[in-house]
């Protein structure tokens, strides 16, 4: 399954472009944008192959912590 994601594009991020990305159940995506340019600065993703929402909800706090720990990216 593909999902649509509208991403700021064009001069000063005023336009948009549509990306089609694979969407699986059990994904958490966190993206940071530069507010002045509206461009994507960083994106972190956590996923699991479980489809049960109850199982996934138990992992959300841990996923968020692990994703945020990877920001800022190491060079």
C-alpha atoms as a PDB file:
ATOM      1  CA  UNK A   1       0.000   0.000   0.000  1.00  0.00           C
ATOM      2  CA  UNK A   2       1.232   3.502  -0.819  1.00  0.00           C
ATOM      3  CA  UNK A   3       0.311   6.626   1.070  1.00  0.00           C
ATOM      4  CA  UNK A   4       0.380  10.225  -0.158  1.00  0.00           C
ATOM      5  CA  UNK A   5       2.607  12.695   1.603  1.00  0.00           C
ATOM      6  CA  UNK A   6       2.511  16.369   0.678  1.00  0.00           C
ATOM      7  CA  UNK A   7       5.905  17.988   1.056  1.00  0.00           C
ATOM      8  CA  UNK A   8       6.636  21.726   0.825  1.00  0.00           C
ATOM      9  CA  UNK A   9       8.538  22.544  -2.352  1.00  0.00           C
ATOM     10  CA  UNK A  10       9.231  25.400  -4.695  1.00  0.00           C
ATOM     11  CA  UNK A  11      10.401  28.915  -3.890  1.00  0.00           C
ATOM     12  CA  UNK A  12      10.490  29.394  -0.100  1.00  0.00           C
ATOM     13  CA  UNK A  13       8.498  26.186   0.323  1.00  0.00           C
ATOM     14  CA  UNK A  14       5.282  27.822  -0.857  1.00  0.00           C
ATOM     15  CA  UNK A  15       4.348  25.099  -3.330  1.00  0.00           C
ATOM     16  CA  UNK A  16       3.893  21.422  -2.631  1.00  0.00           C
ATOM     17  CA  UNK A  17       4.893  18.181  -4.219  1.00  0.00           C
ATOM     18  CA  UNK A  18       3.353  14.818  -3.534  1.00  0.00           C
ATOM     19  CA  UNK A  19       5.523  11.855  -2.648  1.00  0.00           C
ATOM     20  CA  UNK A  20       4.151   8.353  -2.624  1.00  0.00           C
ATOM     21  CA  UNK A  21       5.786   6.273   0.058  1.00  0.00           C
ATOM     22  CA  UNK A  22       5.150   2.716   1.211  1.00  0.00           C
ATOM     23  CA  UNK A  23       2.892   2.656   4.248  1.00  0.00           C
ATOM     24  CA  UNK A  24       2.833  -0.257   6.608  1.00  0.00           C
ATOM     25  CA  UNK A  25       0.864  -0.693   9.764  1.00  0.00           C
ATOM     26  CA  UNK A  26       3.021  -0.168  12.791  1.00  0.00           C
ATOM     27  CA  UNK A  27       5.037   2.821  11.529  1.00  0.00           C
ATOM     28  CA  UNK A  28       5.757   6.014  13.428  1.00  0.00           C
ATOM     29  CA  UNK A  29       7.267   8.889  11.451  1.00  0.00           C
ATOM     30  CA  UNK A  30       8.524  12.089  13.087  1.00  0.00           C
ATOM     31  CA  UNK A  31       9.682  14.938  10.855  1.00  0.00           C
ATOM     32  CA  UNK A  32      11.245  18.281  11.741  1.00  0.00           C
ATOM     33  CA  UNK A  33      10.814  21.249   9.415  1.00  0.00           C
ATOM     34  CA  UNK A  34      12.584  24.580   9.248  1.00  0.00           C
ATOM     35  CA  UNK A  35       9.793  27.077   9.990  1.00  0.00           C
ATOM     36  CA  UNK A  36      11.309  29.810   7.842  1.00  0.00           C
ATOM     37  CA  UNK A  37      11.659  27.693   4.692  1.00  0.00           C
ATOM     38  CA  UNK A  38       9.103  24.974   5.513  1.00  0.00           C
ATOM     39  CA  UNK A  39      11.608  22.435   4.206  1.00  0.00           C
ATOM     40  CA  UNK A  40      12.102  19.049   5.816  1.00  0.00           C
ATOM     41  CA  UNK A  41      15.233  19.126   7.951  1.00  0.00           C
ATOM     42  CA  UNK A  42      15.176  15.656   9.482  1.00  0.00           C
ATOM     43  CA  UNK A  43      12.967  12.567   9.583  1.00  0.00           C
ATOM     44  CA  UNK A  44      13.042   9.594  11.940  1.00  0.00           C
ATOM     45  CA  UNK A  45      11.069   6.375  11.501  1.00  0.00           C
ATOM     46  CA  UNK A  46      10.295   3.495  13.830  1.00  0.00           C
ATOM     47  CA  UNK A  47       8.362   0.430  12.739  1.00  0.00           C
ATOM     48  CA  UNK A  48       7.200  -2.993  13.767  1.00  0.00           C
ATOM     49  CA  UNK A  49       5.548  -5.784  11.835  1.00  0.00           C
ATOM     50  CA  UNK A  50       2.718  -6.115  14.351  1.00  0.00           C
ATOM     51  CA  UNK A  51      -0.697  -5.060  13.123  1.00  0.00           C
ATOM     52  CA  UNK A  52      -2.531  -5.089  16.443  1.00  0.00           C
ATOM     53  CA  UNK A  53      -3.052  -1.455  17.548  1.00  0.00           C
ATOM     54  CA  UNK A  54      -2.909  -2.432  21.217  1.00  0.00           C
ATOM     55  CA  UNK A  55       0.539  -4.000  20.777  1.00  0.00           C
ATOM     56  CA  UNK A  56       1.740  -0.956  18.846  1.00  0.00           C
ATOM     57  CA  UNK A  57       0.367   1.554  21.362  1.00  0.00           C
ATOM     58  CA  UNK A  58       2.400  -0.085  24.124  1.00  0.00           C
ATOM     59  CA  UNK A  59       5.594   0.711  22.196  1.00  0.00           C
ATOM     60  CA  UNK A  60       4.903   4.331  21.206  1.00  0.00           C
ATOM     61  CA  UNK A  61       6.674   6.008  24.141  1.00  0.00           C
ATOM     62  CA  UNK A  62       9.771   3.877  23.547  1.00  0.00           C
ATOM     63  CA  UNK A  63       9.686   4.560  19.791  1.00  0.00           C
ATOM     64  CA  UNK A  64       9.436   8.327  20.285  1.00  0.00           C
ATOM     65  CA  UNK A  65      12.336   8.285  22.751  1.00  0.00           C
ATOM     66  CA  UNK A  66      14.512   6.240  20.366  1.00  0.00           C
ATOM     67  CA  UNK A  67      13.710   8.464  17.386  1.00  0.00           C
ATOM     68  CA  UNK A  68      14.356  11.713  19.261  1.00  0.00           C
ATOM     69  CA  UNK A  69      17.633  10.326  20.665  1.00  0.00           C
ATOM     70  CA  UNK A  70      18.921  10.157  17.077  1.00  0.00           C
ATOM     71  CA  UNK A  71      18.460  13.925  16.606  1.00  0.00           C
ATOM     72  CA  UNK A  72      20.572  15.817  15.745  1.00  0.00           C
ATOM     73  CA  UNK A  73      22.159  13.403  13.280  1.00  0.00           C
ATOM     74  CA  UNK A  74      25.806  12.579  13.884  1.00  0.00           C
ATOM     75  CA  UNK A  75      28.162  13.576  11.077  1.00  0.00           C
END
